[in-house]
């Protein structure tokens, strides 16, 4: 149900779903990772994107480093930049 909410047309629900994921559960993390990665490349609303980036940071997967670093460097939203920096700190602290 929560994974389906990540694809909802309302950005508030997408953001809340990303925040509500129990990513310490390996099954949830495995199922959510591809959806979060896709959403990180398509989400336009800054608050929802920030929630997605925070979730990716919790996964601590090195393959997300480039995507997160790109948002940090190019996104004009301070909300997104802050979330990207936190996520990068979770993925690769030496780069944060």
PDB file of N, CA and C in Angstrom:
ATOM      1  N   UNK A   1       0.830  -1.192   0.000  1.00  0.00           N
ATOM      2  CA  UNK A   1       0.000   0.000   0.000  1.00  0.00           C
ATOM      3  C   UNK A   1       0.875   1.256   0.000  1.00  0.00           C
ATOM      4  N   UNK A   2       1.915   1.264   0.830  1.00  0.00           N
ATOM      5  CA  UNK A   2       2.786   2.440   0.902  1.00  0.00           C
ATOM      6  C   UNK A   2       3.546   2.615  -0.408  1.00  0.00           C
ATOM      7  N   UNK A   3       3.981   1.520  -1.013  1.00  0.00           N
ATOM      8  CA  UNK A   3       4.683   1.620  -2.298  1.00  0.00           C
ATOM      9  C   UNK A   3       3.764   2.180  -3.374  1.00  0.00           C
ATOM     10  N   UNK A   4       2.499   1.814  -3.343  1.00  0.00           N
ATOM     11  CA  UNK A   4       1.539   2.365  -4.305  1.00  0.00           C
ATOM     12  C   UNK A   4       1.364   3.860  -4.082  1.00  0.00           C
ATOM     13  N   UNK A   5       1.420   4.292  -2.831  1.00  0.00           N
ATOM     14  CA  UNK A   5       1.274   5.717  -2.520  1.00  0.00           C
ATOM     15  C   UNK A   5       2.440   6.537  -3.068  1.00  0.00           C
ATOM     16  N   UNK A   6       3.596   5.914  -3.265  1.00  0.00           N
ATOM     17  CA  UNK A   6       4.732   6.624  -3.859  1.00  0.00           C
ATOM     18  C   UNK A   6       4.446   7.028  -5.302  1.00  0.00           C
ATOM     19  N   UNK A   7       3.468   6.382  -5.916  1.00  0.00           N
ATOM     20  CA  UNK A   7       3.121   6.669  -7.310  1.00  0.00           C
ATOM     21  C   UNK A   7       1.847   7.502  -7.431  1.00  0.00           C
ATOM     22  N   UNK A   8       1.324   7.973  -6.320  1.00  0.00           N
ATOM     23  CA  UNK A   8       0.080   8.737  -6.328  1.00  0.00           C
ATOM     24  C   UNK A   8       0.257  10.064  -7.056  1.00  0.00           C
ATOM     25  N   UNK A   9      -0.844  10.616  -7.576  1.00  0.00           N
ATOM     26  CA  UNK A   9      -0.747  11.881  -8.306  1.00  0.00           C
ATOM     27  C   UNK A   9      -0.576  13.081  -7.379  1.00  0.00           C
ATOM     28  N   UNK A  10      -0.854  12.937  -6.106  1.00  0.00           N
ATOM     29  CA  UNK A  10      -0.725  14.048  -5.156  1.00  0.00           C
ATOM     30  C   UNK A  10       0.649  14.015  -4.488  1.00  0.00           C
ATOM     31  N   UNK A  11       1.381  15.105  -4.624  1.00  0.00           N
ATOM     32  CA  UNK A  11       2.753  15.133  -4.109  1.00  0.00           C
ATOM     33  C   UNK A  11       2.809  14.980  -2.597  1.00  0.00           C
ATOM     34  N   UNK A  12       1.785  15.476  -1.878  1.00  0.00           N
ATOM     35  CA  UNK A  12       1.813  15.338  -0.418  1.00  0.00           C
ATOM     36  C   UNK A  12       1.782  13.871  -0.008  1.00  0.00           C
ATOM     37  N   UNK A  13       0.994  13.093  -0.723  1.00  0.00           N
ATOM     38  CA  UNK A  13       0.909  11.666  -0.413  1.00  0.00           C
ATOM     39  C   UNK A  13       2.208  10.953  -0.786  1.00  0.00           C
ATOM     40  N   UNK A  14       2.809  11.333  -1.920  1.00  0.00           N
ATOM     41  CA  UNK A  14       4.096  10.734  -2.294  1.00  0.00           C
ATOM     42  C   UNK A  14       5.154  11.032  -1.236  1.00  0.00           C
ATOM     43  N   UNK A  15       5.196  12.270  -0.777  1.00  0.00           N
ATOM     44  CA  UNK A  15       6.167  12.648   0.252  1.00  0.00           C
ATOM     45  C   UNK A  15       5.924  11.919   1.562  1.00  0.00           C
ATOM     46  N   UNK A  16       4.660  11.850   1.976  1.00  0.00           N
ATOM     47  CA  UNK A  16       4.326  11.152   3.221  1.00  0.00           C
ATOM     48  C   UNK A  16       4.659   9.666   3.119  1.00  0.00           C
ATOM     49  N   UNK A  17       4.431   9.083   1.955  1.00  0.00           N
ATOM     50  CA  UNK A  17       4.752   7.666   1.762  1.00  0.00           C
ATOM     51  C   UNK A  17       6.254   7.434   1.870  1.00  0.00           C
ATOM     52  N   UNK A  18       7.041   8.311   1.259  1.00  0.00           N
ATOM     53  CA  UNK A  18       8.500   8.171   1.332  1.00  0.00           C
ATOM     54  C   UNK A  18       8.981   8.299   2.771  1.00  0.00           C
ATOM     55  N   UNK A  19       8.381   9.215   3.519  1.00  0.00           N
ATOM     56  CA  UNK A  19       8.759   9.400   4.924  1.00  0.00           C
ATOM     57  C   UNK A  19       8.332   8.220   5.781  1.00  0.00           C
ATOM     58  N   UNK A  20       7.246   7.552   5.410  1.00  0.00           N
ATOM     59  CA  UNK A  20       6.694   6.482   6.228  1.00  0.00           C
ATOM     60  C   UNK A  20       7.269   5.104   5.974  1.00  0.00           C
ATOM     61  N   UNK A  21       8.140   4.982   4.993  1.00  0.00           N
ATOM     62  CA  UNK A  21       8.720   3.672   4.695  1.00  0.00           C
ATOM     63  C   UNK A  21       9.588   3.168   5.846  1.00  0.00           C
ATOM     64  N   UNK A  22       9.427   1.925   6.189  1.00  0.00           N
ATOM     65  CA  UNK A  22      10.238   1.282   7.236  1.00  0.00           C
ATOM     66  C   UNK A  22      11.447   0.631   6.560  1.00  0.00           C
ATOM     67  N   UNK A  23      12.421   1.460   6.226  1.00  0.00           N
ATOM     68  CA  UNK A  23      13.547   0.995   5.424  1.00  0.00           C
ATOM     69  C   UNK A  23      14.551   0.161   6.207  1.00  0.00           C
ATOM     70  N   UNK A  24      14.367   0.031   7.515  1.00  0.00           N
ATOM     71  CA  UNK A  24      15.214  -0.868   8.287  1.00  0.00           C
ATOM     72  C   UNK A  24      14.789  -2.329   8.062  1.00  0.00           C
ATOM     73  N   UNK A  25      13.602  -2.530   7.498  1.00  0.00           N
ATOM     74  CA  UNK A  25      13.132  -3.851   7.106  1.00  0.00           C
ATOM     75  C   UNK A  25      13.692  -4.145   5.711  1.00  0.00           C
ATOM     76  N   UNK A  26      14.498  -5.189   5.589  1.00  0.00           N
ATOM     77  CA  UNK A  26      15.190  -5.477   4.324  1.00  0.00           C
ATOM     78  C   UNK A  26      14.227  -5.732   3.169  1.00  0.00           C
ATOM     79  N   UNK A  27      13.100  -6.374   3.449  1.00  0.00           N
ATOM     80  CA  UNK A  27      12.131  -6.636   2.382  1.00  0.00           C
ATOM     81  C   UNK A  27      11.513  -5.338   1.872  1.00  0.00           C
ATOM     82  N   UNK A  28      11.195  -4.447   2.787  1.00  0.00           N
ATOM     83  CA  UNK A  28      10.639  -3.142   2.401  1.00  0.00           C
ATOM     84  C   UNK A  28      11.675  -2.353   1.619  1.00  0.00           C
ATOM     85  N   UNK A  29      12.905  -2.337   2.106  1.00  0.00           N
ATOM     86  CA  UNK A  29      13.973  -1.593   1.425  1.00  0.00           C
ATOM     87  C   UNK A  29      14.197  -2.130   0.017  1.00  0.00           C
ATOM     88  N   UNK A  30      14.202  -3.451  -0.129  1.00  0.00           N
ATOM     89  CA  UNK A  30      14.428  -4.056  -1.444  1.00  0.00           C
ATOM     90  C   UNK A  30      13.303  -3.704  -2.415  1.00  0.00           C
ATOM     91  N   UNK A  31      12.070  -3.713  -1.936  1.00  0.00           N
ATOM     92  CA  UNK A  31      10.928  -3.392  -2.794  1.00  0.00           C
ATOM     93  C   UNK A  31      10.852  -1.899  -3.106  1.00  0.00           C
ATOM     94  N   UNK A  32      11.228  -1.073  -2.142  1.00  0.00           N
ATOM     95  CA  UNK A  32      11.087   0.375  -2.302  1.00  0.00           C
ATOM     96  C   UNK A  32      12.210   1.008  -3.111  1.00  0.00           C
ATOM     97  N   UNK A  33      13.397   0.444  -3.080  1.00  0.00           N
ATOM     98  CA  UNK A  33      14.563   1.073  -3.708  1.00  0.00           C
ATOM     99  C   UNK A  33      14.349   1.450  -5.173  1.00  0.00           C
ATOM    100  N   UNK A  34      13.880   0.548  -6.033  1.00  0.00           N
ATOM    101  CA  UNK A  34      13.716   0.949  -7.438  1.00  0.00           C
ATOM    102  C   UNK A  34      12.654   2.029  -7.632  1.00  0.00           C
ATOM    103  N   UNK A  35      11.606   1.980  -6.828  1.00  0.00           N
ATOM    104  CA  UNK A  35      10.548   2.992  -6.925  1.00  0.00           C
ATOM    105  C   UNK A  35      11.088   4.347  -6.482  1.00  0.00           C
ATOM    106  N   UNK A  36      11.860   4.363  -5.398  1.00  0.00           N
ATOM    107  CA  UNK A  36      12.453   5.609  -4.914  1.00  0.00           C
ATOM    108  C   UNK A  36      13.438   6.185  -5.922  1.00  0.00           C
ATOM    109  N   UNK A  37      14.241   5.328  -6.529  1.00  0.00           N
ATOM    110  CA  UNK A  37      15.230   5.807  -7.515  1.00  0.00           C
ATOM    111  C   UNK A  37      14.537   6.432  -8.724  1.00  0.00           C
ATOM    112  N   UNK A  38      13.486   5.794  -9.184  1.00  0.00           N
ATOM    113  CA  UNK A  38      12.747   6.357 -10.321  1.00  0.00           C
ATOM    114  C   UNK A  38      12.110   7.681  -9.924  1.00  0.00           C
ATOM    115  N   UNK A  39      11.500   7.713  -8.748  1.00  0.00           N
ATOM    116  CA  UNK A  39      10.842   8.932  -8.283  1.00  0.00           C
ATOM    117  C   UNK A  39      11.850  10.063  -8.092  1.00  0.00           C
ATOM    118  N   UNK A  40      13.054   9.737  -7.675  1.00  0.00           N
ATOM    119  CA  UNK A  40      14.086  10.764  -7.484  1.00  0.00           C
ATOM    120  C   UNK A  40      14.458  11.438  -8.798  1.00  0.00           C
ATOM    121  N   UNK A  41      14.257  10.761  -9.903  1.00  0.00           N
ATOM    122  CA  UNK A  41      14.588  11.351 -11.205  1.00  0.00           C
ATOM    123  C   UNK A  41      13.401  12.045 -11.860  1.00  0.00           C
ATOM    124  N   UNK A  42      12.188  11.809 -11.347  1.00  0.00           N
ATOM    125  CA  UNK A  42      11.004  12.386 -11.984  1.00  0.00           C
ATOM    126  C   UNK A  42      10.254  13.390 -11.122  1.00  0.00           C
ATOM    127  N   UNK A  43      10.438  13.342  -9.815  1.00  0.00           N
ATOM    128  CA  UNK A  43       9.676  14.213  -8.906  1.00  0.00           C
ATOM    129  C   UNK A  43      10.066  15.672  -9.104  1.00  0.00           C
ATOM    130  N   UNK A  44       9.068  16.520  -9.289  1.00  0.00           N
ATOM    131  CA  UNK A  44       9.310  17.952  -9.491  1.00  0.00           C
ATOM    132  C   UNK A  44       9.027  18.780  -8.237  1.00  0.00           C
ATOM    133  N   UNK A  45       8.184  18.278  -7.343  1.00  0.00           N
ATOM    134  CA  UNK A  45       7.801  19.045  -6.156  1.00  0.00           C
ATOM    135  C   UNK A  45       8.910  18.924  -5.116  1.00  0.00           C
ATOM    136  N   UNK A  46       9.468  20.054  -4.664  1.00  0.00           N
ATOM    137  CA  UNK A  46      10.641  20.024  -3.777  1.00  0.00           C
ATOM    138  C   UNK A  46      10.452  19.248  -2.474  1.00  0.00           C
ATOM    139  N   UNK A  47       9.309  19.388  -1.817  1.00  0.00           N
ATOM    140  CA  UNK A  47       9.138  18.706  -0.529  1.00  0.00           C
ATOM    141  C   UNK A  47       9.029  17.190  -0.704  1.00  0.00           C
ATOM    142  N   UNK A  48       8.347  16.767  -1.749  1.00  0.00           N
ATOM    143  CA  UNK A  48       8.259  15.331  -2.022  1.00  0.00           C
ATOM    144  C   UNK A  48       9.626  14.781  -2.426  1.00  0.00           C
ATOM    145  N   UNK A  49      10.360  15.530  -3.248  1.00  0.00           N
ATOM    146  CA  UNK A  49      11.697  15.092  -3.654  1.00  0.00           C
ATOM    147  C   UNK A  49      12.624  15.010  -2.445  1.00  0.00           C
ATOM    148  N   UNK A  50      12.515  15.955  -1.532  1.00  0.00           N
ATOM    149  CA  UNK A  50      13.338  15.923  -0.323  1.00  0.00           C
ATOM    150  C   UNK A  50      13.060  14.654   0.484  1.00  0.00           C
ATOM    151  N   UNK A  51      11.788  14.276   0.596  1.00  0.00           N
ATOM    152  CA  UNK A  51      11.437  13.053   1.326  1.00  0.00           C
ATOM    153  C   UNK A  51      12.017  11.822   0.632  1.00  0.00           C
ATOM    154  N   UNK A  52      11.982  11.814  -0.690  1.00  0.00           N
ATOM    155  CA  UNK A  52      12.544  10.695  -1.453  1.00  0.00           C
ATOM    156  C   UNK A  52      14.054  10.618  -1.244  1.00  0.00           C
ATOM    157  N   UNK A  53      14.730  11.752  -1.296  1.00  0.00           N
ATOM    158  CA  UNK A  53      16.183  11.767  -1.092  1.00  0.00           C
ATOM    159  C   UNK A  53      16.546  11.311   0.319  1.00  0.00           C
ATOM    160  N   UNK A  54      15.770  11.742   1.308  1.00  0.00           N
ATOM    161  CA  UNK A  54      16.012  11.283   2.680  1.00  0.00           C
ATOM    162  C   UNK A  54      15.881   9.761   2.768  1.00  0.00           C
ATOM    163  N   UNK A  55      14.878   9.215   2.091  1.00  0.00           N
ATOM    164  CA  UNK A  55      14.693   7.761   2.097  1.00  0.00           C
ATOM    165  C   UNK A  55      15.871   7.061   1.417  1.00  0.00           C
ATOM    166  N   UNK A  56      16.333   7.605   0.298  1.00  0.00           N
ATOM    167  CA  UNK A  56      17.498   7.013  -0.373  1.00  0.00           C
ATOM    168  C   UNK A  56      18.727   7.054   0.536  1.00  0.00           C
ATOM    169  N   UNK A  57      18.873   8.116   1.294  1.00  0.00           N
ATOM    170  CA  UNK A  57      19.988   8.209   2.233  1.00  0.00           C
ATOM    171  C   UNK A  57      19.933   7.129   3.295  1.00  0.00           C
ATOM    172  N   UNK A  58      18.729   6.748   3.701  1.00  0.00           N
ATOM    173  CA  UNK A  58      18.577   5.689   4.694  1.00  0.00           C
ATOM    174  C   UNK A  58      18.986   4.328   4.135  1.00  0.00           C
ATOM    175  N   UNK A  59      18.861   4.162   2.825  1.00  0.00           N
ATOM    176  CA  UNK A  59      19.254   2.889   2.209  1.00  0.00           C
ATOM    177  C   UNK A  59      20.766   2.696   2.222  1.00  0.00           C
ATOM    178  N   UNK A  60      21.516   3.794   2.203  1.00  0.00           N
ATOM    179  CA  UNK A  60      22.983   3.781   2.253  1.00  0.00           C
ATOM    180  C   UNK A  60      23.595   2.940   1.131  1.00  0.00           C
ATOM    181  N   UNK A  61      23.011   3.041  -0.043  1.00  0.00           N
ATOM    182  CA  UNK A  61      23.495   2.289  -1.202  1.00  0.00           C
ATOM    183  C   UNK A  61      24.365   3.205  -2.060  1.00  0.00           C
ATOM    184  N   UNK A  62      25.595   2.791  -2.288  1.00  0.00           N
ATOM    185  CA  UNK A  62      26.561   3.614  -3.043  1.00  0.00           C
ATOM    186  C   UNK A  62      26.074   3.945  -4.453  1.00  0.00           C
ATOM    187  N   UNK A  63      25.211   3.115  -5.024  1.00  0.00           N
ATOM    188  CA  UNK A  63      24.754   3.390  -6.386  1.00  0.00           C
ATOM    189  C   UNK A  63      23.860   4.631  -6.456  1.00  0.00           C
ATOM    190  N   UNK A  64      23.393   5.128  -5.321  1.00  0.00           N
ATOM    191  CA  UNK A  64      22.571   6.339  -5.294  1.00  0.00           C
ATOM    192  C   UNK A  64      23.403   7.608  -5.134  1.00  0.00           C
ATOM    193  N   UNK A  65      24.693   7.466  -4.907  1.00  0.00           N
ATOM    194  CA  UNK A  65      25.551   8.617  -4.618  1.00  0.00           C
ATOM    195  C   UNK A  65      25.528   9.656  -5.742  1.00  0.00           C
ATOM    196  N   UNK A  66      25.658   9.220  -6.975  1.00  0.00           N
ATOM    197  CA  UNK A  66      25.708  10.157  -8.100  1.00  0.00           C
ATOM    198  C   UNK A  66      24.388  10.919  -8.243  1.00  0.00           C
ATOM    199  N   UNK A  67      23.283  10.207  -8.132  1.00  0.00           N
ATOM    200  CA  UNK A  67      21.966  10.828  -8.241  1.00  0.00           C
ATOM    201  C   UNK A  67      21.771  11.886  -7.159  1.00  0.00           C
ATOM    202  N   UNK A  68      22.115  11.535  -5.927  1.00  0.00           N
ATOM    203  CA  UNK A  68      21.955  12.449  -4.795  1.00  0.00           C
ATOM    204  C   UNK A  68      22.895  13.645  -4.931  1.00  0.00           C
ATOM    205  N   UNK A  69      24.137  13.400  -5.304  1.00  0.00           N
ATOM    206  CA  UNK A  69      25.105  14.487  -5.471  1.00  0.00           C
ATOM    207  C   UNK A  69      24.669  15.443  -6.576  1.00  0.00           C
ATOM    208  N   UNK A  70      24.052  14.915  -7.619  1.00  0.00           N
ATOM    209  CA  UNK A  70      23.557  15.758  -8.703  1.00  0.00           C
ATOM    210  C   UNK A  70      22.460  16.700  -8.204  1.00  0.00           C
ATOM    211  N   UNK A  71      21.546  16.195  -7.387  1.00  0.00           N
ATOM    212  CA  UNK A  71      20.491  17.050  -6.826  1.00  0.00           C
ATOM    213  C   UNK A  71      21.095  18.123  -5.923  1.00  0.00           C
ATOM    214  N   UNK A  72      22.106  17.751  -5.161  1.00  0.00           N
ATOM    215  CA  UNK A  72      22.775  18.716  -4.289  1.00  0.00           C
ATOM    216  C   UNK A  72      23.394  19.837  -5.114  1.00  0.00           C
ATOM    217  N   UNK A  73      24.006  19.490  -6.228  1.00  0.00           N
ATOM    218  CA  UNK A  73      24.724  20.471  -7.043  1.00  0.00           C
ATOM    219  C   UNK A  73      23.821  21.298  -7.950  1.00  0.00           C
ATOM    220  N   UNK A  74      22.695  20.740  -8.378  1.00  0.00           N
ATOM    221  CA  UNK A  74      21.928  21.418  -9.428  1.00  0.00           C
ATOM    222  C   UNK A  74      20.542  21.889  -9.037  1.00  0.00           C
ATOM    223  N   UNK A  75      19.958  21.344  -7.996  1.00  0.00           N
ATOM    224  CA  UNK A  75      18.586  21.721  -7.662  1.00  0.00           C
ATOM    225  C   UNK A  75      18.571  23.067  -6.956  1.00  0.00           C
ATOM    226  N   UNK A  76      17.746  24.008  -7.417  1.00  0.00           N
ATOM    227  CA  UNK A  76      17.728  25.338  -6.806  1.00  0.00           C
ATOM    228  C   UNK A  76      17.027  25.400  -5.444  1.00  0.00           C
ATOM    229  N   UNK A  77      16.280  24.368  -5.084  1.00  0.00           N
ATOM    230  CA  UNK A  77      15.536  24.372  -3.828  1.00  0.00           C
ATOM    231  C   UNK A  77      16.459  24.072  -2.641  1.00  0.00           C
ATOM    232  N   UNK A  78      16.442  24.953  -1.655  1.00  0.00           N
ATOM    233  CA  UNK A  78      17.240  24.714  -0.446  1.00  0.00           C
ATOM    234  C   UNK A  78      16.734  23.493   0.317  1.00  0.00           C
ATOM    235  N   UNK A  79      15.438  23.243   0.246  1.00  0.00           N
ATOM    236  CA  UNK A  79      14.870  22.054   0.885  1.00  0.00           C
ATOM    237  C   UNK A  79      15.472  20.790   0.275  1.00  0.00           C
ATOM    238  N   UNK A  80      15.542  20.760  -1.043  1.00  0.00           N
ATOM    239  CA  UNK A  80      16.106  19.602  -1.741  1.00  0.00           C
ATOM    240  C   UNK A  80      17.604  19.508  -1.485  1.00  0.00           C
ATOM    241  N   UNK A  81      18.300  20.627  -1.516  1.00  0.00           N
ATOM    242  CA  UNK A  81      19.743  20.613  -1.266  1.00  0.00           C
ATOM    243  C   UNK A  81      20.059  20.076   0.128  1.00  0.00           C
ATOM    244  N   UNK A  82      19.284  20.501   1.121  1.00  0.00           N
ATOM    245  CA  UNK A  82      19.497  20.016   2.488  1.00  0.00           C
ATOM    246  C   UNK A  82      19.254  18.522   2.601  1.00  0.00           C
ATOM    247  N   UNK A  83      18.180  18.049   1.967  1.00  0.00           N
ATOM    248  CA  UNK A  83      17.884  16.617   1.992  1.00  0.00           C
ATOM    249  C   UNK A  83      18.964  15.828   1.258  1.00  0.00           C
ATOM    250  N   UNK A  84      19.439  16.374   0.143  1.00  0.00           N
ATOM    251  CA  UNK A  84      20.494  15.697  -0.616  1.00  0.00           C
ATOM    252  C   UNK A  84      21.780  15.611   0.201  1.00  0.00           C
ATOM    253  N   UNK A  85      22.095  16.663   0.919  1.00  0.00           N
ATOM    254  CA  UNK A  85      23.301  16.655   1.751  1.00  0.00           C
ATOM    255  C   UNK A  85      23.186  15.616   2.868  1.00  0.00           C
ATOM    256  N   UNK A  86      22.012  15.550   3.511  1.00  0.00           N
ATOM    257  CA  UNK A  86      21.792  14.532   4.549  1.00  0.00           C
ATOM    258  C   UNK A  86      21.886  13.128   3.949  1.00  0.00           C
ATOM    259  N   UNK A  87      21.283  12.948   2.779  1.00  0.00           N
ATOM    260  CA  UNK A  87      21.312  11.636   2.129  1.00  0.00           C
ATOM    261  C   UNK A  87      22.737  11.250   1.755  1.00  0.00           C
ATOM    262  N   UNK A  88      23.483  12.204   1.224  1.00  0.00           N
ATOM    263  CA  UNK A  88      24.873  11.934   0.858  1.00  0.00           C
ATOM    264  C   UNK A  88      25.683  11.559   2.099  1.00  0.00           C
ATOM    265  N   UNK A  89      25.374  12.181   3.224  1.00  0.00           N
ATOM    266  CA  UNK A  89      26.034  11.831   4.480  1.00  0.00           C
ATOM    267  C   UNK A  89      25.761  10.393   4.895  1.00  0.00           C
ATOM    268  N   UNK A  90      24.574   9.885   4.573  1.00  0.00           N
ATOM    269  CA  UNK A  90      24.253   8.497   4.869  1.00  0.00           C
ATOM    270  C   UNK A  90      24.900   7.524   3.905  1.00  0.00           C
ATOM    271  N   UNK A  91      25.058   7.962   2.666  1.00  0.00           N
ATOM    272  CA  UNK A  91      25.599   7.092   1.620  1.00  0.00           C
ATOM    273  C   UNK A  91      27.125   7.079   1.633  1.00  0.00           C
ATOM    274  N   UNK A  92      27.719   8.267   1.691  1.00  0.00           N
ATOM    275  CA  UNK A  92      29.178   8.395   1.647  1.00  0.00           C
ATOM    276  C   UNK A  92      29.576   9.621   2.466  1.00  0.00           C
ATOM    277  N   UNK A  93      29.747   9.466   3.772  1.00  0.00           N
ATOM    278  CA  UNK A  93      30.023  10.612   4.646  1.00  0.00           C
ATOM    279  C   UNK A  93      31.228  11.450   4.220  1.00  0.00           C
ATOM    280  N   UNK A  94      32.213  10.855   3.593  1.00  0.00           N
ATOM    281  CA  UNK A  94      33.397  11.624   3.200  1.00  0.00           C
ATOM    282  C   UNK A  94      33.094  12.608   2.075  1.00  0.00           C
ATOM    283  N   UNK A  95      32.024  12.390   1.338  1.00  0.00           N
ATOM    284  CA  UNK A  95      31.645  13.292   0.253  1.00  0.00           C
ATOM    285  C   UNK A  95      30.675  14.378   0.698  1.00  0.00           C
ATOM    286  N   UNK A  96      30.092  14.228   1.870  1.00  0.00           N
ATOM    287  CA  UNK A  96      29.064  15.170   2.332  1.00  0.00           C
ATOM    288  C   UNK A  96      29.640  16.475   2.821  1.00  0.00           C
TER     289      UNK A  96
END
